[in-house]
């Protein structure tokens, strides 16, 4: 399973502030390198731990699991002036 970084765009704040808006669009984020521990504390006094571990093949080593987030979008705003950044964020929330 592989991911895709999507596209990255850089634009100045549309409301005229000095803030730089960095947008990551349509990224497919993937992680298939993590391990999953066995169940612990499930059911009364952990009575369901074994059933859950058996059903879900737990614990599972790295590479046996994966998670994927498709079409992920994120925006980051950078400004070297905190007051200007605060005003830019306030203006963007008002629109």
PDB file of N, CA and C in Angstrom:
ATOM      1  N   UNK A   1       0.850  -1.166   0.000  1.00  0.00           N
ATOM      2  CA  UNK A   1       0.000   0.000   0.000  1.00  0.00           C
ATOM      3  C   UNK A   1       0.897   1.230   0.000  1.00  0.00           C
ATOM      4  N   UNK A   2       0.653   2.122  -0.915  1.00  0.00           N
ATOM      5  CA  UNK A   2       1.454   3.341  -0.996  1.00  0.00           C
ATOM      6  C   UNK A   2       0.552   4.559  -0.931  1.00  0.00           C
ATOM      7  N   UNK A   3       1.118   5.671  -0.568  1.00  0.00           N
ATOM      8  CA  UNK A   3       0.373   6.915  -0.465  1.00  0.00           C
ATOM      9  C   UNK A   3       0.678   7.846  -1.613  1.00  0.00           C
ATOM     10  N   UNK A   4       0.128   9.035  -1.525  1.00  0.00           N
ATOM     11  CA  UNK A   4       0.323  10.065  -2.536  1.00  0.00           C
ATOM     12  C   UNK A   4       0.314  11.406  -1.805  1.00  0.00           C
ATOM     13  N   UNK A   5       1.357  12.222  -1.964  1.00  0.00           N
ATOM     14  CA  UNK A   5       1.393  13.488  -1.237  1.00  0.00           C
ATOM     15  C   UNK A   5       0.375  14.515  -1.727  1.00  0.00           C
ATOM     16  N   UNK A   6      -0.303  14.252  -2.834  1.00  0.00           N
ATOM     17  CA  UNK A   6      -1.261  15.220  -3.367  1.00  0.00           C
ATOM     18  C   UNK A   6      -0.540  16.423  -3.940  1.00  0.00           C
ATOM     19  N   UNK A   7      -1.225  17.544  -3.927  1.00  0.00           N
ATOM     20  CA  UNK A   7      -0.613  18.772  -4.444  1.00  0.00           C
ATOM     21  C   UNK A   7      -0.452  19.778  -3.311  1.00  0.00           C
ATOM     22  N   UNK A   8       0.595  20.578  -3.418  1.00  0.00           N
ATOM     23  CA  UNK A   8       0.860  21.608  -2.418  1.00  0.00           C
ATOM     24  C   UNK A   8       0.795  22.963  -3.114  1.00  0.00           C
ATOM     25  N   UNK A   9       0.008  23.882  -2.526  1.00  0.00           N
ATOM     26  CA  UNK A   9      -0.153  25.227  -3.070  1.00  0.00           C
ATOM     27  C   UNK A   9       0.275  26.251  -2.028  1.00  0.00           C
ATOM     28  N   UNK A  10       0.851  27.352  -2.482  1.00  0.00           N
ATOM     29  CA  UNK A  10       1.250  28.461  -1.633  1.00  0.00           C
ATOM     30  C   UNK A  10       0.518  29.706  -2.130  1.00  0.00           C
ATOM     31  N   UNK A  11      -0.236  30.369  -1.242  1.00  0.00           N
ATOM     32  CA  UNK A  11      -0.923  31.606  -1.614  1.00  0.00           C
ATOM     33  C   UNK A  11      -0.828  32.590  -0.452  1.00  0.00           C
ATOM     34  N   UNK A  12      -0.905  33.850  -0.787  1.00  0.00           N
ATOM     35  CA  UNK A  12      -0.948  34.874   0.258  1.00  0.00           C
ATOM     36  C   UNK A  12      -2.376  34.942   0.794  1.00  0.00           C
ATOM     37  N   UNK A  13      -2.523  35.422   2.014  1.00  0.00           N
ATOM     38  CA  UNK A  13      -3.827  35.526   2.652  1.00  0.00           C
ATOM     39  C   UNK A  13      -4.792  36.314   1.755  1.00  0.00           C
ATOM     40  N   UNK A  14      -5.974  35.754   1.471  1.00  0.00           N
ATOM     41  CA  UNK A  14      -6.908  36.442   0.568  1.00  0.00           C
ATOM     42  C   UNK A  14      -7.508  37.711   1.168  1.00  0.00           C
ATOM     43  N   UNK A  15      -7.349  37.932   2.468  1.00  0.00           N
ATOM     44  CA  UNK A  15      -7.898  39.122   3.119  1.00  0.00           C
ATOM     45  C   UNK A  15      -6.876  40.240   3.253  1.00  0.00           C
ATOM     46  N   UNK A  16      -5.710  40.085   2.626  1.00  0.00           N
ATOM     47  CA  UNK A  16      -4.726  41.151   2.598  1.00  0.00           C
ATOM     48  C   UNK A  16      -3.711  41.161   3.737  1.00  0.00           C
ATOM     49  N   UNK A  17      -3.736  40.184   4.609  1.00  0.00           N
ATOM     50  CA  UNK A  17      -2.748  40.109   5.682  1.00  0.00           C
ATOM     51  C   UNK A  17      -1.443  39.545   5.120  1.00  0.00           C
ATOM     52  N   UNK A  18      -0.364  39.612   5.881  1.00  0.00           N
ATOM     53  CA  UNK A  18       0.937  39.116   5.434  1.00  0.00           C
ATOM     54  C   UNK A  18       1.084  37.606   5.579  1.00  0.00           C
ATOM     55  N   UNK A  19       0.050  36.932   5.994  1.00  0.00           N
ATOM     56  CA  UNK A  19       0.114  35.492   6.231  1.00  0.00           C
ATOM     57  C   UNK A  19       0.244  34.717   4.922  1.00  0.00           C
ATOM     58  N   UNK A  20       1.017  33.666   4.965  1.00  0.00           N
ATOM     59  CA  UNK A  20       1.186  32.750   3.840  1.00  0.00           C
ATOM     60  C   UNK A  20       0.349  31.505   4.134  1.00  0.00           C
ATOM     61  N   UNK A  21      -0.509  31.132   3.200  1.00  0.00           N
ATOM     62  CA  UNK A  21      -1.356  29.948   3.361  1.00  0.00           C
ATOM     63  C   UNK A  21      -0.752  28.819   2.535  1.00  0.00           C
ATOM     64  N   UNK A  22      -0.443  27.714   3.208  1.00  0.00           N
ATOM     65  CA  UNK A  22       0.093  26.527   2.539  1.00  0.00           C
ATOM     66  C   UNK A  22      -0.998  25.468   2.586  1.00  0.00           C
ATOM     67  N   UNK A  23      -1.384  24.957   1.427  1.00  0.00           N
ATOM     68  CA  UNK A  23      -2.462  23.973   1.339  1.00  0.00           C
ATOM     69  C   UNK A  23      -1.941  22.679   0.747  1.00  0.00           C
ATOM     70  N   UNK A  24      -2.280  21.579   1.381  1.00  0.00           N
ATOM     71  CA  UNK A  24      -2.007  20.245   0.847  1.00  0.00           C
ATOM     72  C   UNK A  24      -3.367  19.654   0.489  1.00  0.00           C
ATOM     73  N   UNK A  25      -3.559  19.299  -0.775  1.00  0.00           N
ATOM     74  CA  UNK A  25      -4.862  18.851  -1.238  1.00  0.00           C
ATOM     75  C   UNK A  25      -4.803  17.453  -1.852  1.00  0.00           C
ATOM     76  N   UNK A  26      -5.846  16.677  -1.574  1.00  0.00           N
ATOM     77  CA  UNK A  26      -6.036  15.339  -2.148  1.00  0.00           C
ATOM     78  C   UNK A  26      -4.876  14.391  -1.875  1.00  0.00           C
ATOM     79  N   UNK A  27      -4.323  14.470  -0.679  1.00  0.00           N
ATOM     80  CA  UNK A  27      -3.255  13.553  -0.291  1.00  0.00           C
ATOM     81  C   UNK A  27      -3.868  12.232   0.170  1.00  0.00           C
ATOM     82  N   UNK A  28      -3.199  11.138  -0.103  1.00  0.00           N
ATOM     83  CA  UNK A  28      -3.560   9.834   0.428  1.00  0.00           C
ATOM     84  C   UNK A  28      -2.456   9.431   1.400  1.00  0.00           C
ATOM     85  N   UNK A  29      -2.774   9.512   2.687  1.00  0.00           N
ATOM     86  CA  UNK A  29      -1.793   9.246   3.730  1.00  0.00           C
ATOM     87  C   UNK A  29      -1.892   7.797   4.165  1.00  0.00           C
ATOM     88  N   UNK A  30      -0.745   7.123   4.250  1.00  0.00           N
ATOM     89  CA  UNK A  30      -0.705   5.689   4.545  1.00  0.00           C
ATOM     90  C   UNK A  30       0.347   5.401   5.601  1.00  0.00           C
ATOM     91  N   UNK A  31       0.014   4.508   6.511  1.00  0.00           N
ATOM     92  CA  UNK A  31       1.009   3.993   7.458  1.00  0.00           C
ATOM     93  C   UNK A  31       0.793   2.491   7.552  1.00  0.00           C
ATOM     94  N   UNK A  32       1.789   1.725   7.193  1.00  0.00           N
ATOM     95  CA  UNK A  32       1.723   0.263   7.318  1.00  0.00           C
ATOM     96  C   UNK A  32       2.958  -0.263   8.049  1.00  0.00           C
ATOM     97  N   UNK A  33       3.444   0.546   9.006  1.00  0.00           N
ATOM     98  CA  UNK A  33       4.664   0.176   9.724  1.00  0.00           C
ATOM     99  C   UNK A  33       4.464   0.029  11.228  1.00  0.00           C
ATOM    100  N   UNK A  34       3.227   0.138  11.701  1.00  0.00           N
ATOM    101  CA  UNK A  34       3.004   0.132  13.145  1.00  0.00           C
ATOM    102  C   UNK A  34       2.608  -1.249  13.653  1.00  0.00           C
ATOM    103  N   UNK A  35       2.872  -1.505  14.937  1.00  0.00           N
ATOM    104  CA  UNK A  35       2.460  -2.762  15.548  1.00  0.00           C
ATOM    105  C   UNK A  35       1.194  -2.508  16.364  1.00  0.00           C
ATOM    106  N   UNK A  36       0.415  -3.557  16.584  1.00  0.00           N
ATOM    107  CA  UNK A  36      -0.796  -3.454  17.385  1.00  0.00           C
ATOM    108  C   UNK A  36      -0.662  -4.428  18.552  1.00  0.00           C
ATOM    109  N   UNK A  37      -0.763  -3.911  19.778  1.00  0.00           N
ATOM    110  CA  UNK A  37      -0.625  -4.786  20.948  1.00  0.00           C
ATOM    111  C   UNK A  37      -1.867  -5.657  21.132  1.00  0.00           C
ATOM    112  N   UNK A  38      -1.742  -6.653  21.977  1.00  0.00           N
ATOM    113  CA  UNK A  38      -2.880  -7.491  22.313  1.00  0.00           C
ATOM    114  C   UNK A  38      -3.871  -6.731  23.176  1.00  0.00           C
ATOM    115  N   UNK A  39      -5.097  -7.262  23.228  1.00  0.00           N
ATOM    116  CA  UNK A  39      -6.143  -6.656  24.049  1.00  0.00           C
ATOM    117  C   UNK A  39      -5.748  -6.710  25.521  1.00  0.00           C
ATOM    118  N   UNK A  40      -6.187  -5.708  26.263  1.00  0.00           N
ATOM    119  CA  UNK A  40      -5.867  -5.648  27.681  1.00  0.00           C
ATOM    120  C   UNK A  40      -7.020  -4.966  28.409  1.00  0.00           C
ATOM    121  N   UNK A  41      -7.623  -5.639  29.371  1.00  0.00           N
ATOM    122  CA  UNK A  41      -8.688  -5.038  30.166  1.00  0.00           C
ATOM    123  C   UNK A  41     -10.047  -5.067  29.514  1.00  0.00           C
ATOM    124  N   UNK A  42     -10.252  -5.926  28.532  1.00  0.00           N
ATOM    125  CA  UNK A  42     -11.543  -6.007  27.854  1.00  0.00           C
ATOM    126  C   UNK A  42     -12.463  -6.991  28.586  1.00  0.00           C
ATOM    127  N   UNK A  43     -13.675  -6.570  28.823  1.00  0.00           N
ATOM    128  CA  UNK A  43     -14.609  -7.406  29.552  1.00  0.00           C
ATOM    129  C   UNK A  43     -14.323  -7.378  31.045  1.00  0.00           C
ATOM    130  N   UNK A  44     -15.119  -8.091  31.788  1.00  0.00           N
ATOM    131  CA  UNK A  44     -14.973  -8.153  33.240  1.00  0.00           C
ATOM    132  C   UNK A  44     -13.648  -8.816  33.596  1.00  0.00           C
ATOM    133  N   UNK A  45     -12.772  -8.076  34.245  1.00  0.00           N
ATOM    134  CA  UNK A  45     -11.449  -8.554  34.666  1.00  0.00           C
ATOM    135  C   UNK A  45     -10.626  -9.116  33.501  1.00  0.00           C
ATOM    136  N   UNK A  46     -10.810  -8.537  32.311  1.00  0.00           N
ATOM    137  CA  UNK A  46     -10.043  -8.975  31.141  1.00  0.00           C
ATOM    138  C   UNK A  46     -10.514 -10.278  30.536  1.00  0.00           C
ATOM    139  N   UNK A  47     -11.744 -10.688  30.855  1.00  0.00           N
ATOM    140  CA  UNK A  47     -12.247 -11.986  30.399  1.00  0.00           C
ATOM    141  C   UNK A  47     -12.374 -12.104  28.883  1.00  0.00           C
ATOM    142  N   UNK A  48     -12.431 -10.991  28.172  1.00  0.00           N
ATOM    143  CA  UNK A  48     -12.564 -11.041  26.711  1.00  0.00           C
ATOM    144  C   UNK A  48     -11.239 -10.863  25.976  1.00  0.00           C
ATOM    145  N   UNK A  49     -10.153 -10.645  26.700  1.00  0.00           N
ATOM    146  CA  UNK A  49      -8.849 -10.423  26.062  1.00  0.00           C
ATOM    147  C   UNK A  49      -8.498 -11.533  25.081  1.00  0.00           C
ATOM    148  N   UNK A  50      -8.569 -12.781  25.510  1.00  0.00           N
ATOM    149  CA  UNK A  50      -8.174 -13.909  24.657  1.00  0.00           C
ATOM    150  C   UNK A  50      -9.040 -14.013  23.415  1.00  0.00           C
ATOM    151  N   UNK A  51     -10.345 -13.822  23.562  1.00  0.00           N
ATOM    152  CA  UNK A  51     -11.261 -13.915  22.418  1.00  0.00           C
ATOM    153  C   UNK A  51     -10.948 -12.825  21.400  1.00  0.00           C
ATOM    154  N   UNK A  52     -10.732 -11.607  21.886  1.00  0.00           N
ATOM    155  CA  UNK A  52     -10.409 -10.502  20.980  1.00  0.00           C
ATOM    156  C   UNK A  52      -9.070 -10.741  20.301  1.00  0.00           C
ATOM    157  N   UNK A  53      -8.062 -11.167  21.046  1.00  0.00           N
ATOM    158  CA  UNK A  53      -6.750 -11.444  20.455  1.00  0.00           C
ATOM    159  C   UNK A  53      -6.851 -12.524  19.389  1.00  0.00           C
ATOM    160  N   UNK A  54      -7.609 -13.582  19.655  1.00  0.00           N
ATOM    161  CA  UNK A  54      -7.748 -14.684  18.694  1.00  0.00           C
ATOM    162  C   UNK A  54      -8.507 -14.222  17.450  1.00  0.00           C
ATOM    163  N   UNK A  55      -9.599 -13.490  17.663  1.00  0.00           N
ATOM    164  CA  UNK A  55     -10.430 -13.027  16.545  1.00  0.00           C
ATOM    165  C   UNK A  55      -9.690 -12.031  15.653  1.00  0.00           C
ATOM    166  N   UNK A  56      -8.923 -11.144  16.252  1.00  0.00           N
ATOM    167  CA  UNK A  56      -8.263 -10.062  15.516  1.00  0.00           C
ATOM    168  C   UNK A  56      -6.790 -10.348  15.201  1.00  0.00           C
ATOM    169  N   UNK A  57      -6.316 -11.558  15.521  1.00  0.00           N
ATOM    170  CA  UNK A  57      -4.902 -11.921  15.299  1.00  0.00           C
ATOM    171  C   UNK A  57      -3.948 -10.966  16.008  1.00  0.00           C
ATOM    172  N   UNK A  58      -4.205 -10.719  17.264  1.00  0.00           N
ATOM    173  CA  UNK A  58      -3.376  -9.819  18.064  1.00  0.00           C
ATOM    174  C   UNK A  58      -2.547 -10.599  19.065  1.00  0.00           C
ATOM    175  N   UNK A  59      -1.397 -10.118  19.445  1.00  0.00           N
ATOM    176  CA  UNK A  59      -0.747  -8.906  18.952  1.00  0.00           C
ATOM    177  C   UNK A  59      -0.261  -9.105  17.513  1.00  0.00           C
ATOM    178  N   UNK A  60      -0.100  -7.993  16.802  1.00  0.00           N
ATOM    179  CA  UNK A  60       0.316  -8.029  15.403  1.00  0.00           C
ATOM    180  C   UNK A  60       1.601  -7.226  15.234  1.00  0.00           C
ATOM    181  N   UNK A  61       2.553  -7.806  14.539  1.00  0.00           N
ATOM    182  CA  UNK A  61       3.861  -7.180  14.315  1.00  0.00           C
ATOM    183  C   UNK A  61       3.766  -6.042  13.294  1.00  0.00           C
ATOM    184  N   UNK A  62       4.761  -5.160  13.264  1.00  0.00           N
ATOM    185  CA  UNK A  62       4.792  -4.112  12.233  1.00  0.00           C
ATOM    186  C   UNK A  62       4.716  -4.727  10.838  1.00  0.00           C
ATOM    187  N   UNK A  63       3.981  -4.066   9.954  1.00  0.00           N
ATOM    188  CA  UNK A  63       3.819  -4.555   8.594  1.00  0.00           C
ATOM    189  C   UNK A  63       2.608  -5.452   8.413  1.00  0.00           C
ATOM    190  N   UNK A  64       1.957  -5.831   9.490  1.00  0.00           N
ATOM    191  CA  UNK A  64       0.764  -6.680   9.408  1.00  0.00           C
ATOM    192  C   UNK A  64      -0.526  -5.855   9.402  1.00  0.00           C
ATOM    193  N   UNK A  65      -0.413  -4.552   9.611  1.00  0.00           N
ATOM    194  CA  UNK A  65      -1.569  -3.659   9.718  1.00  0.00           C
ATOM    195  C   UNK A  65      -1.371  -2.467   8.808  1.00  0.00           C
ATOM    196  N   UNK A  66      -2.460  -1.790   8.512  1.00  0.00           N
ATOM    197  CA  UNK A  66      -2.333  -0.560   7.734  1.00  0.00           C
ATOM    198  C   UNK A  66      -3.506   0.359   8.036  1.00  0.00           C
ATOM    199  N   UNK A  67      -3.256   1.637   7.846  1.00  0.00           N
ATOM    200  CA  UNK A  67      -4.301   2.645   7.952  1.00  0.00           C
ATOM    201  C   UNK A  67      -4.108   3.608   6.783  1.00  0.00           C
ATOM    202  N   UNK A  68      -5.214   4.050   6.210  1.00  0.00           N
ATOM    203  CA  UNK A  68      -5.156   4.924   5.046  1.00  0.00           C
ATOM    204  C   UNK A  68      -6.196   6.029   5.183  1.00  0.00           C
ATOM    205  N   UNK A  69      -5.783   7.253   4.898  1.00  0.00           N
ATOM    206  CA  UNK A  69      -6.684   8.397   4.881  1.00  0.00           C
ATOM    207  C   UNK A  69      -6.684   8.945   3.463  1.00  0.00           C
ATOM    208  N   UNK A  70      -7.799   8.783   2.754  1.00  0.00           N
ATOM    209  CA  UNK A  70      -7.884   9.180   1.348  1.00  0.00           C
ATOM    210  C   UNK A  70      -8.392  10.609   1.214  1.00  0.00           C
ATOM    211  N   UNK A  71      -7.906  11.286   0.203  1.00  0.00           N
ATOM    212  CA  UNK A  71      -8.306  12.652  -0.140  1.00  0.00           C
ATOM    213  C   UNK A  71      -8.247  13.586   1.066  1.00  0.00           C
ATOM    214  N   UNK A  72      -7.126  13.566   1.748  1.00  0.00           N
ATOM    215  CA  UNK A  72      -6.903  14.410   2.913  1.00  0.00           C
ATOM    216  C   UNK A  72      -6.494  15.810   2.468  1.00  0.00           C
ATOM    217  N   UNK A  73      -7.089  16.813   3.091  1.00  0.00           N
ATOM    218  CA  UNK A  73      -6.761  18.208   2.806  1.00  0.00           C
ATOM    219  C   UNK A  73      -6.335  18.881   4.109  1.00  0.00           C
ATOM    220  N   UNK A  74      -5.306  19.704   4.043  1.00  0.00           N
ATOM    221  CA  UNK A  74      -4.839  20.424   5.227  1.00  0.00           C
ATOM    222  C   UNK A  74      -4.349  21.805   4.810  1.00  0.00           C
ATOM    223  N   UNK A  75      -4.599  22.781   5.670  1.00  0.00           N
ATOM    224  CA  UNK A  75      -4.121  24.141   5.433  1.00  0.00           C
ATOM    225  C   UNK A  75      -3.278  24.582   6.620  1.00  0.00           C
ATOM    226  N   UNK A  76      -2.183  25.249   6.326  1.00  0.00           N
ATOM    227  CA  UNK A  76      -1.291  25.787   7.339  1.00  0.00           C
ATOM    228  C   UNK A  76      -1.108  27.266   7.044  1.00  0.00           C
ATOM    229  N   UNK A  77      -1.081  28.075   8.082  1.00  0.00           N
ATOM    230  CA  UNK A  77      -0.906  29.509   7.902  1.00  0.00           C
ATOM    231  C   UNK A  77       0.358  29.941   8.642  1.00  0.00           C
ATOM    232  N   UNK A  78       1.229  30.646   7.934  1.00  0.00           N
ATOM    233  CA  UNK A  78       2.485  31.123   8.513  1.00  0.00           C
ATOM    234  C   UNK A  78       2.526  32.645   8.464  1.00  0.00           C
ATOM    235  N   UNK A  79       2.989  33.237   9.542  1.00  0.00           N
ATOM    236  CA  UNK A  79       3.163  34.684   9.604  1.00  0.00           C
ATOM    237  C   UNK A  79       4.205  34.966  10.678  1.00  0.00           C
ATOM    238  N   UNK A  80       5.100  35.913  10.454  1.00  0.00           N
ATOM    239  CA  UNK A  80       6.124  36.217  11.455  1.00  0.00           C
ATOM    240  C   UNK A  80       5.636  37.200  12.512  1.00  0.00           C
ATOM    241  N   UNK A  81       4.364  37.630  12.409  1.00  0.00           N
ATOM    242  CA  UNK A  81       3.801  38.580  13.356  1.00  0.00           C
ATOM    243  C   UNK A  81       2.542  37.969  13.965  1.00  0.00           C
ATOM    244  N   UNK A  82       2.558  37.731  15.263  1.00  0.00           N
ATOM    245  CA  UNK A  82       1.448  37.061  15.925  1.00  0.00           C
ATOM    246  C   UNK A  82       0.143  37.847  15.809  1.00  0.00           C
ATOM    247  N   UNK A  83       0.203  39.162  15.936  1.00  0.00           N
ATOM    248  CA  UNK A  83      -1.007  39.983  15.833  1.00  0.00           C
ATOM    249  C   UNK A  83      -1.612  39.877  14.440  1.00  0.00           C
ATOM    250  N   UNK A  84      -0.774  39.914  13.397  1.00  0.00           N
ATOM    251  CA  UNK A  84      -1.253  39.798  12.027  1.00  0.00           C
ATOM    252  C   UNK A  84      -1.831  38.399  11.781  1.00  0.00           C
ATOM    253  N   UNK A  85      -1.174  37.372  12.314  1.00  0.00           N
ATOM    254  CA  UNK A  85      -1.673  36.013  12.165  1.00  0.00           C
ATOM    255  C   UNK A  85      -3.042  35.865  12.837  1.00  0.00           C
ATOM    256  N   UNK A  86      -3.167  36.411  14.037  1.00  0.00           N
ATOM    257  CA  UNK A  86      -4.444  36.353  14.746  1.00  0.00           C
ATOM    258  C   UNK A  86      -5.544  37.060  13.969  1.00  0.00           C
ATOM    259  N   UNK A  87      -5.236  38.199  13.399  1.00  0.00           N
ATOM    260  CA  UNK A  87      -6.213  38.936  12.589  1.00  0.00           C
ATOM    261  C   UNK A  87      -6.586  38.160  11.325  1.00  0.00           C
ATOM    262  N   UNK A  88      -5.604  37.527  10.695  1.00  0.00           N
ATOM    263  CA  UNK A  88      -5.883  36.742   9.487  1.00  0.00           C
ATOM    264  C   UNK A  88      -6.796  35.565   9.801  1.00  0.00           C
ATOM    265  N   UNK A  89      -6.518  34.878  10.911  1.00  0.00           N
ATOM    266  CA  UNK A  89      -7.367  33.746  11.303  1.00  0.00           C
ATOM    267  C   UNK A  89      -8.767  34.210  11.672  1.00  0.00           C
ATOM    268  N   UNK A  90      -8.871  35.342  12.349  1.00  0.00           N
ATOM    269  CA  UNK A  90     -10.169  35.894  12.720  1.00  0.00           C
ATOM    270  C   UNK A  90     -10.967  36.275  11.470  1.00  0.00           C
ATOM    271  N   UNK A  91     -10.321  36.931  10.503  1.00  0.00           N
ATOM    272  CA  UNK A  91     -10.996  37.304   9.274  1.00  0.00           C
ATOM    273  C   UNK A  91     -11.450  36.102   8.465  1.00  0.00           C
ATOM    274  N   UNK A  92     -10.626  35.042   8.442  1.00  0.00           N
ATOM    275  CA  UNK A  92     -11.005  33.855   7.663  1.00  0.00           C
ATOM    276  C   UNK A  92     -12.185  33.126   8.312  1.00  0.00           C
ATOM    277  N   UNK A  93     -12.285  33.163   9.645  1.00  0.00           N
ATOM    278  CA  UNK A  93     -13.398  32.520  10.347  1.00  0.00           C
ATOM    279  C   UNK A  93     -14.693  33.302  10.127  1.00  0.00           C
ATOM    280  N   UNK A  94     -14.592  34.616   9.924  1.00  0.00           N
ATOM    281  CA  UNK A  94     -15.771  35.449   9.741  1.00  0.00           C
ATOM    282  C   UNK A  94     -16.396  35.266   8.357  1.00  0.00           C
ATOM    283  N   UNK A  95     -15.610  34.746   7.412  1.00  0.00           N
ATOM    284  CA  UNK A  95     -16.125  34.582   6.034  1.00  0.00           C
ATOM    285  C   UNK A  95     -16.627  33.223   5.827  1.00  0.00           C
TER     286      UNK A  95
END
